[in-house]
PDB file of N, CA and C in Angstrom:
ATOM      1  N   MET A   1     107.322 112.159 119.481  1.00  0.00           N
ATOM      2  CA  MET A   1     107.749 112.864 118.514  1.00  0.00           C
ATOM      3  C   MET A   1     107.478 114.470 118.310  1.00  0.00           C
ATOM      4  N   SER A   2     108.457 115.254 118.646  1.00  0.00           N
ATOM      5  CA  SER A   2     108.127 116.761 118.374  1.00  0.00           C
ATOM      6  C   SER A   2     107.868 117.470 116.840  1.00  0.00           C
ATOM      7  N   THR A   3     107.082 118.146 117.173  1.00  0.00           N
ATOM      8  CA  THR A   3     107.121 119.234 115.635  1.00  0.00           C
ATOM      9  C   THR A   3     108.143 119.866 115.176  1.00  0.00           C
ATOM     10  N   GLU A   4     109.068 120.076 115.860  1.00  0.00           N
ATOM     11  CA  GLU A   4     110.070 120.805 115.595  1.00  0.00           C
ATOM     12  C   GLU A   4     111.030 120.244 114.613  1.00  0.00           C
ATOM     13  N   ASN A   5     111.138 121.196 113.528  1.00  0.00           N
ATOM     14  CA  ASN A   5     112.242 120.467 112.347  1.00  0.00           C
ATOM     15  C   ASN A   5     112.861 119.236 112.333  1.00  0.00           C
ATOM     16  N   GLY A   6     113.816 119.710 113.118  1.00  0.00           N
ATOM     17  CA  GLY A   6     115.149 119.336 113.671  1.00  0.00           C
ATOM     18  C   GLY A   6     114.930 117.595 114.064  1.00  0.00           C
ATOM     19  N   SER A   7     113.741 117.259 114.717  1.00  0.00           N
ATOM     20  CA  SER A   7     113.774 116.315 115.107  1.00  0.00           C
ATOM     21  C   SER A   7     112.803 115.500 114.724  1.00  0.00           C
ATOM     22  N   VAL A   8     111.816 115.926 113.327  1.00  0.00           N
ATOM     23  CA  VAL A   8     111.048 115.239 112.450  1.00  0.00           C
ATOM     24  C   VAL A   8     112.185 114.132 111.699  1.00  0.00           C
ATOM     25  N   LYS A   9     111.841 112.939 111.470  1.00  0.00           N
ATOM     26  CA  LYS A   9     112.833 112.180 110.615  1.00  0.00           C
ATOM     27  C   LYS A   9     112.134 111.669 109.742  1.00  0.00           C
ATOM     28  N   VAL A  10     112.691 112.127 108.255  1.00  0.00           N
ATOM     29  CA  VAL A  10     112.347 111.516 107.234  1.00  0.00           C
ATOM     30  C   VAL A  10     112.896 110.594 106.234  1.00  0.00           C
ATOM     31  N   LEU A  11     112.058 109.526 105.872  1.00  0.00           N
ATOM     32  CA  LEU A  11     113.033 108.597 104.945  1.00  0.00           C
ATOM     33  C   LEU A  11     112.467 109.318 103.370  1.00  0.00           C
ATOM     34  N   VAL A  12     113.620 109.204 102.238  1.00  0.00           N
ATOM     35  CA  VAL A  12     113.043 109.073 100.935  1.00  0.00           C
ATOM     36  C   VAL A  12     113.558 108.376 100.472  1.00  0.00           C
ATOM     37  N   VAL A  13     112.643 107.350  99.724  1.00  0.00           N
ATOM     38  CA  VAL A  13     112.846 106.219  98.753  1.00  0.00           C
ATOM     39  C   VAL A  13     112.757 106.325  97.394  1.00  0.00           C
ATOM     40  N   ASP A  14     113.589 106.452  96.728  1.00  0.00           N
ATOM     41  CA  ASP A  14     113.530 106.321  95.414  1.00  0.00           C
ATOM     42  C   ASP A  14     114.847 105.898  94.239  1.00  0.00           C
ATOM     43  N   ASP A  15     114.451 105.126  93.146  1.00  0.00           N
ATOM     44  CA  ASP A  15     115.384 104.633  92.616  1.00  0.00           C
ATOM     45  C   ASP A  15     116.219 105.732  91.610  1.00  0.00           C
ATOM     46  N   SER A  16     115.617 107.185  91.679  1.00  0.00           N
ATOM     47  CA  SER A  16     116.158 108.252  90.907  1.00  0.00           C
ATOM     48  C   SER A  16     116.914 108.930  91.891  1.00  0.00           C
ATOM     49  N   THR A  17     118.539 108.968  91.478  1.00  0.00           N
ATOM     50  CA  THR A  17     119.530 109.932  92.304  1.00  0.00           C
ATOM     51  C   THR A  17     118.978 111.118  92.566  1.00  0.00           C
ATOM     52  N   THR A  18     118.230 111.761  91.362  1.00  0.00           N
ATOM     53  CA  THR A  18     118.105 112.925  91.423  1.00  0.00           C
ATOM     54  C   THR A  18     116.919 113.153  92.248  1.00  0.00           C
ATOM     55  N   ILE A  19     115.931 112.698  92.455  1.00  0.00           N
ATOM     56  CA  ILE A  19     114.822 112.864  93.220  1.00  0.00           C
ATOM     57  C   ILE A  19     115.025 112.563  94.922  1.00  0.00           C
ATOM     58  N   ARG A  20     116.027 111.674  95.030  1.00  0.00           N
ATOM     59  CA  ARG A  20     116.567 111.727  96.335  1.00  0.00           C
ATOM     60  C   ARG A  20     117.411 112.852  96.469  1.00  0.00           C
ATOM     61  N   LYS A  21     118.269 113.523  96.092  1.00  0.00           N
ATOM     62  CA  LYS A  21     119.275 114.473  96.206  1.00  0.00           C
ATOM     63  C   LYS A  21     118.263 115.731  96.276  1.00  0.00           C
ATOM     64  N   THR A  22     117.146 115.759  95.447  1.00  0.00           N
ATOM     65  CA  THR A  22     116.417 116.910  95.514  1.00  0.00           C
ATOM     66  C   THR A  22     115.648 117.089  96.660  1.00  0.00           C
ATOM     67  N   ALA A  23     115.229 116.298  97.152  1.00  0.00           N
ATOM     68  CA  ALA A  23     114.340 115.970  98.334  1.00  0.00           C
ATOM     69  C   ALA A  23     115.145 115.825  99.480  1.00  0.00           C
ATOM     70  N   GLU A  24     116.363 115.573  99.496  1.00  0.00           N
ATOM     71  CA  GLU A  24     117.071 115.692 100.787  1.00  0.00           C
ATOM     72  C   GLU A  24     117.392 116.683 101.016  1.00  0.00           C
ATOM     73  N   THR A  25     118.296 117.628  99.813  1.00  0.00           N
ATOM     74  CA  THR A  25     118.440 118.996 100.134  1.00  0.00           C
ATOM     75  C   THR A  25     117.320 120.199 100.632  1.00  0.00           C
ATOM     76  N   ILE A  26     116.204 119.920 100.119  1.00  0.00           N
ATOM     77  CA  ILE A  26     115.184 120.693 100.286  1.00  0.00           C
ATOM     78  C   ILE A  26     114.622 120.594 101.937  1.00  0.00           C
ATOM     79  N   LEU A  27     114.865 119.168 102.210  1.00  0.00           N
ATOM     80  CA  LEU A  27     114.492 119.107 103.934  1.00  0.00           C
ATOM     81  C   LEU A  27     115.515 119.425 104.405  1.00  0.00           C
ATOM     82  N   LYS A  28     116.835 119.158 104.309  1.00  0.00           N
ATOM     83  CA  LYS A  28     117.697 119.190 105.235  1.00  0.00           C
ATOM     84  C   LYS A  28     117.928 120.949 105.370  1.00  0.00           C
ATOM     85  N   LYS A  29     117.619 121.460 104.214  1.00  0.00           N
ATOM     86  CA  LYS A  29     117.590 122.883 104.398  1.00  0.00           C
ATOM     87  C   LYS A  29     116.570 123.506 105.381  1.00  0.00           C
ATOM     88  N   GLU A  30     115.380 122.969 105.496  1.00  0.00           N
ATOM     89  CA  GLU A  30     114.684 123.175 106.490  1.00  0.00           C
ATOM     90  C   GLU A  30     114.935 122.845 107.781  1.00  0.00           C
ATOM     91  N   GLY A  31     115.938 122.027 107.708  1.00  0.00           N
ATOM     92  CA  GLY A  31     116.369 121.404 109.268  1.00  0.00           C
ATOM     93  C   GLY A  31     115.412 119.906 109.576  1.00  0.00           C
ATOM     94  N   TYR A  32     115.199 119.103 108.810  1.00  0.00           N
ATOM     95  CA  TYR A  32     114.753 117.671 108.951  1.00  0.00           C
ATOM     96  C   TYR A  32     115.768 116.878 108.970  1.00  0.00           C
ATOM     97  N   SER A  33     115.901 115.713 109.542  1.00  0.00           N
ATOM     98  CA  SER A  33     116.611 114.849 109.843  1.00  0.00           C
ATOM     99  C   SER A  33     116.214 113.881 108.825  1.00  0.00           C
ATOM    100  N   VAL A  34     116.884 113.421 107.416  1.00  0.00           N
ATOM    101  CA  VAL A  34     116.952 113.222 106.404  1.00  0.00           C
ATOM    102  C   VAL A  34     117.886 111.739 106.099  1.00  0.00           C
ATOM    103  N   GLU A  35     117.202 110.411 105.998  1.00  0.00           N
ATOM    104  CA  GLU A  35     117.778 109.433 105.222  1.00  0.00           C
ATOM    105  C   GLU A  35     117.242 109.299 103.997  1.00  0.00           C
ATOM    106  N   THR A  36     118.209 108.301 102.772  1.00  0.00           N
ATOM    107  CA  THR A  36     117.582 108.069 101.586  1.00  0.00           C
ATOM    108  C   THR A  36     117.728 106.459 101.632  1.00  0.00           C
ATOM    109  N   ALA A  37     116.983 106.097 100.561  1.00  0.00           N
ATOM    110  CA  ALA A  37     116.814 104.696 100.202  1.00  0.00           C
ATOM    111  C   ALA A  37     116.837 104.506  98.513  1.00  0.00           C
ATOM    112  N   GLU A  38     117.837 103.843  97.945  1.00  0.00           N
ATOM    113  CA  GLU A  38     117.610 103.832  96.320  1.00  0.00           C
ATOM    114  C   GLU A  38     116.443 102.466  96.141  1.00  0.00           C
ATOM    115  N   ASP A  39     116.194 101.635  96.845  1.00  0.00           N
ATOM    116  CA  ASP A  39     115.312 100.662  96.419  1.00  0.00           C
ATOM    117  C   ASP A  39     114.451 100.161  97.942  1.00  0.00           C
ATOM    118  N   GLY A  40     113.399  99.346  97.594  1.00  0.00           N
ATOM    119  CA  GLY A  40     112.894  98.625  98.618  1.00  0.00           C
ATOM    120  C   GLY A  40     112.976  97.876  99.653  1.00  0.00           C
ATOM    121  N   PHE A  41     114.606  97.082  99.284  1.00  0.00           N
ATOM    122  CA  PHE A  41     114.898  96.078 100.383  1.00  0.00           C
ATOM    123  C   PHE A  41     115.734  97.228 101.104  1.00  0.00           C
ATOM    124  N   LYS A  42     116.719  98.235 100.399  1.00  0.00           N
ATOM    125  CA  LYS A  42     117.431  99.097 101.590  1.00  0.00           C
ATOM    126  C   LYS A  42     116.153  99.939 102.267  1.00  0.00           C
ATOM    127  N   ALA A  43     115.054 100.224 101.777  1.00  0.00           N
ATOM    128  CA  ALA A  43     114.129 101.376 102.680  1.00  0.00           C
ATOM    129  C   ALA A  43     113.398 100.543 103.561  1.00  0.00           C
ATOM    130  N   LEU A  44     113.423  98.872 103.776  1.00  0.00           N
ATOM    131  CA  LEU A  44     113.004  98.249 104.811  1.00  0.00           C
ATOM    132  C   LEU A  44     113.922  98.178 105.883  1.00  0.00           C
ATOM    133  N   SER A  45     115.362  98.242 105.625  1.00  0.00           N
ATOM    134  CA  SER A  45     116.265  98.101 106.549  1.00  0.00           C
ATOM    135  C   SER A  45     116.339  99.581 107.006  1.00  0.00           C
ATOM    136  N   LYS A  46     116.096 100.695 106.575  1.00  0.00           N
ATOM    137  CA  LYS A  46     116.353 101.945 106.979  1.00  0.00           C
ATOM    138  C   LYS A  46     115.085 102.145 107.789  1.00  0.00           C
ATOM    139  N   VAL A  47     113.803 101.794 107.380  1.00  0.00           N
ATOM    140  CA  VAL A  47     112.842 102.071 108.305  1.00  0.00           C
ATOM    141  C   VAL A  47     113.234 101.698 109.882  1.00  0.00           C
ATOM    142  N   VAL A  48     113.541 100.238 109.815  1.00  0.00           N
ATOM    143  CA  VAL A  48     114.296  99.820 111.182  1.00  0.00           C
ATOM    144  C   VAL A  48     115.118 100.087 111.926  1.00  0.00           C
ATOM    145  N   ALA A  49     116.339 100.779 110.885  1.00  0.00           N
ATOM    146  CA  ALA A  49     117.393 101.373 111.788  1.00  0.00           C
ATOM    147  C   ALA A  49     116.788 102.922 112.239  1.00  0.00           C
ATOM    148  N   PHE A  50     116.255 103.571 111.349  1.00  0.00           N
ATOM    149  CA  PHE A  50     116.203 105.116 111.464  1.00  0.00           C
ATOM    150  C   PHE A  50     114.700 105.266 112.376  1.00  0.00           C
ATOM    151  N   LYS A  51     114.027 104.357 111.957  1.00  0.00           N
ATOM    152  CA  LYS A  51     112.516 104.834 112.376  1.00  0.00           C
ATOM    153  C   LYS A  51     111.981 106.398 112.139  1.00  0.00           C
ATOM    154  N   PRO A  52     111.712 106.282 110.608  1.00  0.00           N
ATOM    155  CA  PRO A  52     111.245 107.754 110.745  1.00  0.00           C
ATOM    156  C   PRO A  52     109.930 108.180 111.113  1.00  0.00           C
ATOM    157  N   ASP A  53     110.014 109.443 111.257  1.00  0.00           N
ATOM    158  CA  ASP A  53     108.267 109.855 111.289  1.00  0.00           C
ATOM    159  C   ASP A  53     107.405 110.043 110.375  1.00  0.00           C
ATOM    160  N   ILE A  54     108.053 110.068 108.898  1.00  0.00           N
ATOM    161  CA  ILE A  54     107.078 110.300 107.745  1.00  0.00           C
ATOM    162  C   ILE A  54     108.255 109.317 106.793  1.00  0.00           C
ATOM    163  N   ILE A  55     107.416 108.975 105.695  1.00  0.00           N
ATOM    164  CA  ILE A  55     108.001 108.171 104.406  1.00  0.00           C
ATOM    165  C   ILE A  55     107.377 108.667 103.442  1.00  0.00           C
ATOM    166  N   PHE A  56     108.449 109.073 102.363  1.00  0.00           N
ATOM    167  CA  PHE A  56     107.871 109.532 100.799  1.00  0.00           C
ATOM    168  C   PHE A  56     108.401 108.136 100.411  1.00  0.00           C
ATOM    169  N   LEU A  57     107.642 107.700  99.507  1.00  0.00           N
ATOM    170  CA  LEU A  57     108.236 106.097  98.685  1.00  0.00           C
ATOM    171  C   LEU A  57     107.762 106.330  97.440  1.00  0.00           C
ATOM    172  N   ASP A  58     108.738 106.047  96.426  1.00  0.00           N
ATOM    173  CA  ASP A  58     108.424 106.039  95.176  1.00  0.00           C
ATOM    174  C   ASP A  58     107.245 104.319  94.721  1.00  0.00           C
ATOM    175  N   ILE A  59     106.741 104.697  94.005  1.00  0.00           N
ATOM    176  CA  ILE A  59     105.947 103.544  93.502  1.00  0.00           C
ATOM    177  C   ILE A  59     106.686 102.233  92.533  1.00  0.00           C
ATOM    178  N   MET A  60     107.397 103.119  91.273  1.00  0.00           N
ATOM    179  CA  MET A  60     108.076 102.211  90.638  1.00  0.00           C
ATOM    180  C   MET A  60     109.727 101.827  91.389  1.00  0.00           C
ATOM    181  N   MET A  61     110.104 100.917  91.707  1.00  0.00           N
ATOM    182  CA  MET A  61     111.296 100.491  91.834  1.00  0.00           C
ATOM    183  C   MET A  61     111.370  99.034  91.438  1.00  0.00           C
ATOM    184  N   PRO A  62     113.142  98.847  91.328  1.00  0.00           N
ATOM    185  CA  PRO A  62     113.134  97.241  91.043  1.00  0.00           C
ATOM    186  C   PRO A  62     113.305  96.877  92.240  1.00  0.00           C
ATOM    187  N   ARG A  63     112.919  95.093  92.003  1.00  0.00           N
ATOM    188  CA  ARG A  63     113.124  94.284  93.055  1.00  0.00           C
ATOM    189  C   ARG A  63     111.697  94.634  94.054  1.00  0.00           C
ATOM    190  N   LEU A  64     111.540  95.437  94.692  1.00  0.00           N
ATOM    191  CA  LEU A  64     110.550  95.433  95.612  1.00  0.00           C
ATOM    192  C   LEU A  64     109.851  97.270  95.272  1.00  0.00           C
ATOM    193  N   ASP A  65     108.676  96.933  94.923  1.00  0.00           N
ATOM    194  CA  ASP A  65     107.880  98.199  94.574  1.00  0.00           C
ATOM    195  C   ASP A  65     107.485  98.717  95.823  1.00  0.00           C
ATOM    196  N   GLY A  66     106.975 100.118  95.401  1.00  0.00           N
ATOM    197  CA  GLY A  66     106.612 100.689  96.920  1.00  0.00           C
ATOM    198  C   GLY A  66     105.323 100.251  97.603  1.00  0.00           C
ATOM    199  N   TYR A  67     104.211  99.889  96.492  1.00  0.00           N
ATOM    200  CA  TYR A  67     103.161  99.159  97.338  1.00  0.00           C
ATOM    201  C   TYR A  67     103.853  98.160  98.298  1.00  0.00           C
ATOM    202  N   GLN A  68     104.704  97.468  97.612  1.00  0.00           N
ATOM    203  CA  GLN A  68     105.138  96.212  98.672  1.00  0.00           C
ATOM    204  C   GLN A  68     106.043  96.634  99.597  1.00  0.00           C
ATOM    205  N   VAL A  69     106.787  97.772  99.887  1.00  0.00           N
ATOM    206  CA  VAL A  69     107.378  98.239 100.853  1.00  0.00           C
ATOM    207  C   VAL A  69     106.435  98.845 101.946  1.00  0.00           C
ATOM    208  N   CYS A  70     105.249  99.216 101.289  1.00  0.00           N
ATOM    209  CA  CYS A  70     104.083 100.242 101.834  1.00  0.00           C
ATOM    210  C   CYS A  70     103.481  99.121 103.083  1.00  0.00           C
ATOM    211  N   SER A  71     102.901  97.921 102.263  1.00  0.00           N
ATOM    212  CA  SER A  71     102.195  97.182 102.977  1.00  0.00           C
ATOM    213  C   SER A  71     103.144  96.363 103.904  1.00  0.00           C
ATOM    214  N   VAL A  72     104.271  96.198 103.602  1.00  0.00           N
ATOM    215  CA  VAL A  72     105.028  95.240 104.560  1.00  0.00           C
ATOM    216  C   VAL A  72     105.420  96.348 105.981  1.00  0.00           C
ATOM    217  N   VAL A  73     105.630  97.758 105.686  1.00  0.00           N
ATOM    218  CA  VAL A  73     105.730  98.598 106.740  1.00  0.00           C
ATOM    219  C   VAL A  73     104.403  98.702 107.590  1.00  0.00           C
ATOM    220  N   LYS A  74     103.251  98.908 106.860  1.00  0.00           N
ATOM    221  CA  LYS A  74     101.944  98.896 107.394  1.00  0.00           C
ATOM    222  C   LYS A  74     101.411  97.785 108.371  1.00  0.00           C
ATOM    223  N   SER A  75     102.139  96.639 107.848  1.00  0.00           N
ATOM    224  CA  SER A  75     101.758  95.592 108.761  1.00  0.00           C
ATOM    225  C   SER A  75     102.547  95.229 109.949  1.00  0.00           C
ATOM    226  N   ASN A  76     103.672  96.093 110.053  1.00  0.00           N
ATOM    227  CA  ASN A  76     104.692  96.019 111.223  1.00  0.00           C
ATOM    228  C   ASN A  76     104.077  96.816 112.433  1.00  0.00           C
ATOM    229  N   GLU A  77     104.155  96.200 113.360  1.00  0.00           N
ATOM    230  CA  GLU A  77     103.078  96.697 114.847  1.00  0.00           C
ATOM    231  C   GLU A  77     103.724  98.139 115.162  1.00  0.00           C
ATOM    232  N   HIS A  78     105.285  98.149 115.323  1.00  0.00           N
ATOM    233  CA  HIS A  78     106.156  99.282 115.280  1.00  0.00           C
ATOM    234  C   HIS A  78     105.769 100.172 114.369  1.00  0.00           C
ATOM    235  N   PHE A  79     105.699 100.082 113.077  1.00  0.00           N
ATOM    236  CA  PHE A  79     105.399 101.142 112.003  1.00  0.00           C
ATOM    237  C   PHE A  79     104.298 101.581 111.565  1.00  0.00           C
ATOM    238  N   LYS A  80     103.364 100.624 112.093  1.00  0.00           N
ATOM    239  CA  LYS A  80     102.152 100.835 111.120  1.00  0.00           C
ATOM    240  C   LYS A  80     101.465 102.187 111.259  1.00  0.00           C
ATOM    241  N   GLN A  81     101.602 102.990 112.364  1.00  0.00           N
ATOM    242  CA  GLN A  81     101.391 104.302 112.432  1.00  0.00           C
ATOM    243  C   GLN A  81     102.200 105.703 111.637  1.00  0.00           C
ATOM    244  N   THR A  82     103.033 105.271 111.028  1.00  0.00           N
ATOM    245  CA  THR A  82     104.036 106.016 110.180  1.00  0.00           C
ATOM    246  C   THR A  82     103.528 106.671 109.159  1.00  0.00           C
ATOM    247  N   PRO A  83     103.029 107.592 108.581  1.00  0.00           N
ATOM    248  CA  PRO A  83     102.558 108.049 107.462  1.00  0.00           C
ATOM    249  C   PRO A  83     103.469 107.769 106.319  1.00  0.00           C
ATOM    250  N   ILE A  84     102.677 107.118 105.323  1.00  0.00           N
ATOM    251  CA  ILE A  84     103.405 107.085 104.151  1.00  0.00           C
ATOM    252  C   ILE A  84     102.789 107.971 102.625  1.00  0.00           C
ATOM    253  N   LEU A  85     103.815 108.517 102.145  1.00  0.00           N
ATOM    254  CA  LEU A  85     103.211 109.453 100.814  1.00  0.00           C
ATOM    255  C   LEU A  85     104.000 108.653  99.786  1.00  0.00           C
ATOM    256  N   MET A  86     103.094 108.227  98.769  1.00  0.00           N
ATOM    257  CA  MET A  86     103.542 107.595  97.811  1.00  0.00           C
ATOM    258  C   MET A  86     103.832 108.813  96.667  1.00  0.00           C
ATOM    259  N   LEU A  87     105.125 108.654  95.954  1.00  0.00           N
ATOM    260  CA  LEU A  87     105.522 109.584  94.987  1.00  0.00           C
ATOM    261  C   LEU A  87     105.423 108.647  93.509  1.00  0.00           C
ATOM    262  N   SER A  88     105.100 109.146  92.784  1.00  0.00           N
ATOM    263  CA  SER A  88     104.648 108.642  91.445  1.00  0.00           C
ATOM    264  C   SER A  88     104.616 109.413  90.150  1.00  0.00           C
ATOM    265  N   SER A  89     105.398 109.381  88.996  1.00  0.00           N
ATOM    266  CA  SER A  89     105.161 110.180  87.933  1.00  0.00           C
ATOM    267  C   SER A  89     104.021 109.925  87.163  1.00  0.00           C
ATOM    268  N   LYS A  90     103.160 108.835  87.533  1.00  0.00           N
ATOM    269  CA  LYS A  90     101.956 108.936  86.895  1.00  0.00           C
ATOM    270  C   LYS A  90     100.648 109.213  88.188  1.00  0.00           C
ATOM    271  N   ASP A  91      99.976 109.880  87.606  1.00  0.00           N
ATOM    272  CA  ASP A  91      99.057 110.276  88.191  1.00  0.00           C
ATOM    273  C   ASP A  91      97.351 109.796  88.123  1.00  0.00           C
ATOM    274  N   SER A  92      97.714 108.529  88.099  1.00  0.00           N
ATOM    275  CA  SER A  92      96.002 108.059  87.649  1.00  0.00           C
ATOM    276  C   SER A  92      95.241 107.404  89.231  1.00  0.00           C
ATOM    277  N   ILE A  93      93.947 107.321  88.929  1.00  0.00           N
ATOM    278  CA  ILE A  93      93.416 107.027  89.949  1.00  0.00           C
ATOM    279  C   ILE A  93      93.541 105.649  90.294  1.00  0.00           C
ATOM    280  N   PHE A  94      94.113 104.437  89.363  1.00  0.00           N
ATOM    281  CA  PHE A  94      94.199 103.405  89.599  1.00  0.00           C
ATOM    282  C   PHE A  94      95.844 103.137  90.604  1.00  0.00           C
ATOM    283  N   ASP A  95      96.544 104.053  90.324  1.00  0.00           N
ATOM    284  CA  ASP A  95      97.942 104.379  91.239  1.00  0.00           C
ATOM    285  C   ASP A  95      97.360 104.639  92.790  1.00  0.00           C
ATOM    286  N   LYS A  96      96.523 106.088  92.627  1.00  0.00           N
ATOM    287  CA  LYS A  96      96.197 106.302  94.010  1.00  0.00           C
ATOM    288  C   LYS A  96      95.393 105.199  94.933  1.00  0.00           C
ATOM    289  N   ALA A  97      94.361 104.410  93.989  1.00  0.00           N
ATOM    290  CA  ALA A  97      93.743 103.568  94.979  1.00  0.00           C
ATOM    291  C   ALA A  97      94.504 102.673  95.388  1.00  0.00           C
ATOM    292  N   ARG A  98      95.327 101.885  94.347  1.00  0.00           N
ATOM    293  CA  ARG A  98      96.138 101.062  95.020  1.00  0.00           C
ATOM    294  C   ARG A  98      97.142 101.587  96.001  1.00  0.00           C
ATOM    295  N   GLY A  99      97.777 102.685  96.145  1.00  0.00           N
ATOM    296  CA  GLY A  99      98.369 103.468  97.150  1.00  0.00           C
ATOM    297  C   GLY A  99      97.796 102.994  98.223  1.00  0.00           C
ATOM    298  N   ARG A 100      96.173 103.445  98.484  1.00  0.00           N
ATOM    299  CA  ARG A 100      95.743 103.432  99.602  1.00  0.00           C
ATOM    300  C   ARG A 100      95.015 102.153 100.065  1.00  0.00           C
ATOM    301  N   ILE A 101      95.181 101.319  98.962  1.00  0.00           N
ATOM    302  CA  ILE A 101      94.957  99.587  99.861  1.00  0.00           C
ATOM    303  C   ILE A 101      95.969  99.286 100.461  1.00  0.00           C
ATOM    304  N   ALA A 102      96.957  99.836  99.765  1.00  0.00           N
ATOM    305  CA  ALA A 102      98.567  99.343 100.618  1.00  0.00           C
ATOM    306  C   ALA A 102      98.945 100.043 101.945  1.00  0.00           C
ATOM    307  N   GLY A 103      97.909 101.024 102.239  1.00  0.00           N
ATOM    308  CA  GLY A 103      97.867 101.706 102.781  1.00  0.00           C
ATOM    309  C   GLY A 103      98.961 103.294 103.355  1.00  0.00           C
ATOM    310  N   SER A 104      98.761 103.761 102.023  1.00  0.00           N
ATOM    311  CA  SER A 104      99.547 104.908 102.235  1.00  0.00           C
ATOM    312  C   SER A 104      98.431 106.096 102.433  1.00  0.00           C
ATOM    313  N   GLU A 105      98.923 107.265 103.176  1.00  0.00           N
ATOM    314  CA  GLU A 105      98.212 107.986 103.455  1.00  0.00           C
ATOM    315  C   GLU A 105      97.940 109.433 102.238  1.00  0.00           C
ATOM    316  N   PHE A 106      99.067 109.348 101.252  1.00  0.00           N
ATOM    317  CA  PHE A 106      98.724 110.396 100.400  1.00  0.00           C
ATOM    318  C   PHE A 106      99.468 110.172  99.362  1.00  0.00           C
ATOM    319  N   PHE A 107      99.300 111.002  98.403  1.00  0.00           N
ATOM    320  CA  PHE A 107      99.956 110.664  97.016  1.00  0.00           C
ATOM    321  C   PHE A 107     100.289 111.889  96.304  1.00  0.00           C
ATOM    322  N   ILE A 108     101.899 112.130  96.101  1.00  0.00           N
ATOM    323  CA  ILE A 108     102.273 113.064  95.305  1.00  0.00           C
ATOM    324  C   ILE A 108     103.018 112.641  94.067  1.00  0.00           C
ATOM    325  N   THR A 109     102.472 113.454  93.112  1.00  0.00           N
ATOM    326  CA  THR A 109     102.774 113.245  91.514  1.00  0.00           C
ATOM    327  C   THR A 109     104.398 114.092  91.318  1.00  0.00           C
ATOM    328  N   LYS A 110     105.098 113.288  91.127  1.00  0.00           N
ATOM    329  CA  LYS A 110     106.656 113.832  90.401  1.00  0.00           C
ATOM    330  C   LYS A 110     106.699 114.578  89.146  1.00  0.00           C
ATOM    331  N   PRO A 111     107.527 115.728  89.358  1.00  0.00           N
ATOM    332  CA  PRO A 111     108.349 116.366  89.824  1.00  0.00           C
ATOM    333  C   PRO A 111     107.457 116.951  91.007  1.00  0.00           C
ATOM    334  N   PHE A 112     107.805 117.109  92.108  1.00  0.00           N
ATOM    335  CA  PHE A 112     107.148 117.648  93.428  1.00  0.00           C
ATOM    336  C   PHE A 112     107.933 118.992  93.267  1.00  0.00           C
ATOM    337  N   SER A 113     107.318 119.924  94.367  1.00  0.00           N
ATOM    338  CA  SER A 113     107.610 121.016  94.303  1.00  0.00           C
ATOM    339  C   SER A 113     108.414 120.939  95.796  1.00  0.00           C
ATOM    340  N   ARG A 114     108.665 122.167  96.385  1.00  0.00           N
ATOM    341  CA  ARG A 114     109.264 121.911  97.769  1.00  0.00           C
ATOM    342  C   ARG A 114     108.077 122.158  98.779  1.00  0.00           C
ATOM    343  N   ASP A 115     107.166 123.382  98.120  1.00  0.00           N
ATOM    344  CA  ASP A 115     106.254 123.299  98.908  1.00  0.00           C
ATOM    345  C   ASP A 115     105.291 122.203  99.062  1.00  0.00           C
ATOM    346  N   GLN A 116     105.282 121.447  98.226  1.00  0.00           N
ATOM    347  CA  GLN A 116     104.380 119.896  98.290  1.00  0.00           C
ATOM    348  C   GLN A 116     104.838 118.989  99.496  1.00  0.00           C
ATOM    349  N   LEU A 117     106.101 119.103  99.384  1.00  0.00           N
ATOM    350  CA  LEU A 117     107.319 118.151 100.457  1.00  0.00           C
ATOM    351  C   LEU A 117     106.813 119.030 101.605  1.00  0.00           C
ATOM    352  N   LEU A 118     106.895 119.509 101.804  1.00  0.00           N
ATOM    353  CA  LEU A 118     107.078 120.613 103.253  1.00  0.00           C
ATOM    354  C   LEU A 118     105.289 120.892 103.641  1.00  0.00           C
ATOM    355  N   GLN A 119     104.403 120.712 102.782  1.00  0.00           N
ATOM    356  CA  GLN A 119     102.781 120.898 103.329  1.00  0.00           C
ATOM    357  C   GLN A 119     102.619 119.420 103.770  1.00  0.00           C
ATOM    358  N   ALA A 120     103.028 118.213 102.761  1.00  0.00           N
ATOM    359  CA  ALA A 120     102.612 116.964 103.322  1.00  0.00           C
ATOM    360  C   ALA A 120     103.245 116.680 104.790  1.00  0.00           C
ATOM    361  N   ILE A 121     104.442 116.851 105.229  1.00  0.00           N
ATOM    362  CA  ILE A 121     105.024 116.773 106.452  1.00  0.00           C
ATOM    363  C   ILE A 121     104.098 117.550 107.307  1.00  0.00           C
ATOM    364  N   ASP A 122     103.971 118.828 107.275  1.00  0.00           N
ATOM    365  CA  ASP A 122     102.864 119.355 108.140  1.00  0.00           C
ATOM    366  C   ASP A 122     101.780 118.970 108.244  1.00  0.00           C
ATOM    367  N   GLN A 123     101.032 118.278 107.197  1.00  0.00           N
ATOM    368  CA  GLN A 123      99.599 117.719 107.501  1.00  0.00           C
ATOM    369  C   GLN A 123      99.694 116.533 108.260  1.00  0.00           C
ATOM    370  N   HIS A 124     100.830 115.508 107.960  1.00  0.00           N
ATOM    371  CA  HIS A 124     100.850 114.339 108.007  1.00  0.00           C
ATOM    372  C   HIS A 124     101.603 113.953 109.741  1.00  0.00           C
ATOM    373  N   VAL A 125     102.670 114.865 110.067  1.00  0.00           N
ATOM    374  CA  VAL A 125     103.367 114.489 111.160  1.00  0.00           C
ATOM    375  C   VAL A 125     102.379 115.509 112.035  1.00  0.00           C
ATOM    376  N   ARG A 126     102.162 114.935 113.192  1.00  0.00           N
ATOM    377  CA  ARG A 126     101.893 115.700 114.526  1.00  0.00           C
ATOM    378  C   ARG A 126     102.344 115.734 115.390  1.00  0.00           C
TER     379      ARG A 126
END
């Protein structure tokens, strides 16, 4: 994996179209390769097909929540090193702790800023 933006692959998973489009627009403008998914099941197939370098993952989603997706990804030998950053509109200690237990590296409270997204990628993709 190279640190040049164009080669860094980012997966954004959120059931909110607005959040997905906002993140995708910000990241593509910076030269990142971006894929999106609107739920946990679609996220898992995108992880396998796209092989992202970093994943932004919403916690509250229908069918399969972010904690479950994170646990599945982190239990896979091929993807356990992939940084996962949880996205949530709730900013509680409990949510952060549960994210850590599931294997996430970081927690970003929505709404997030352009700088928060880019800084997270800089910190977690080496």
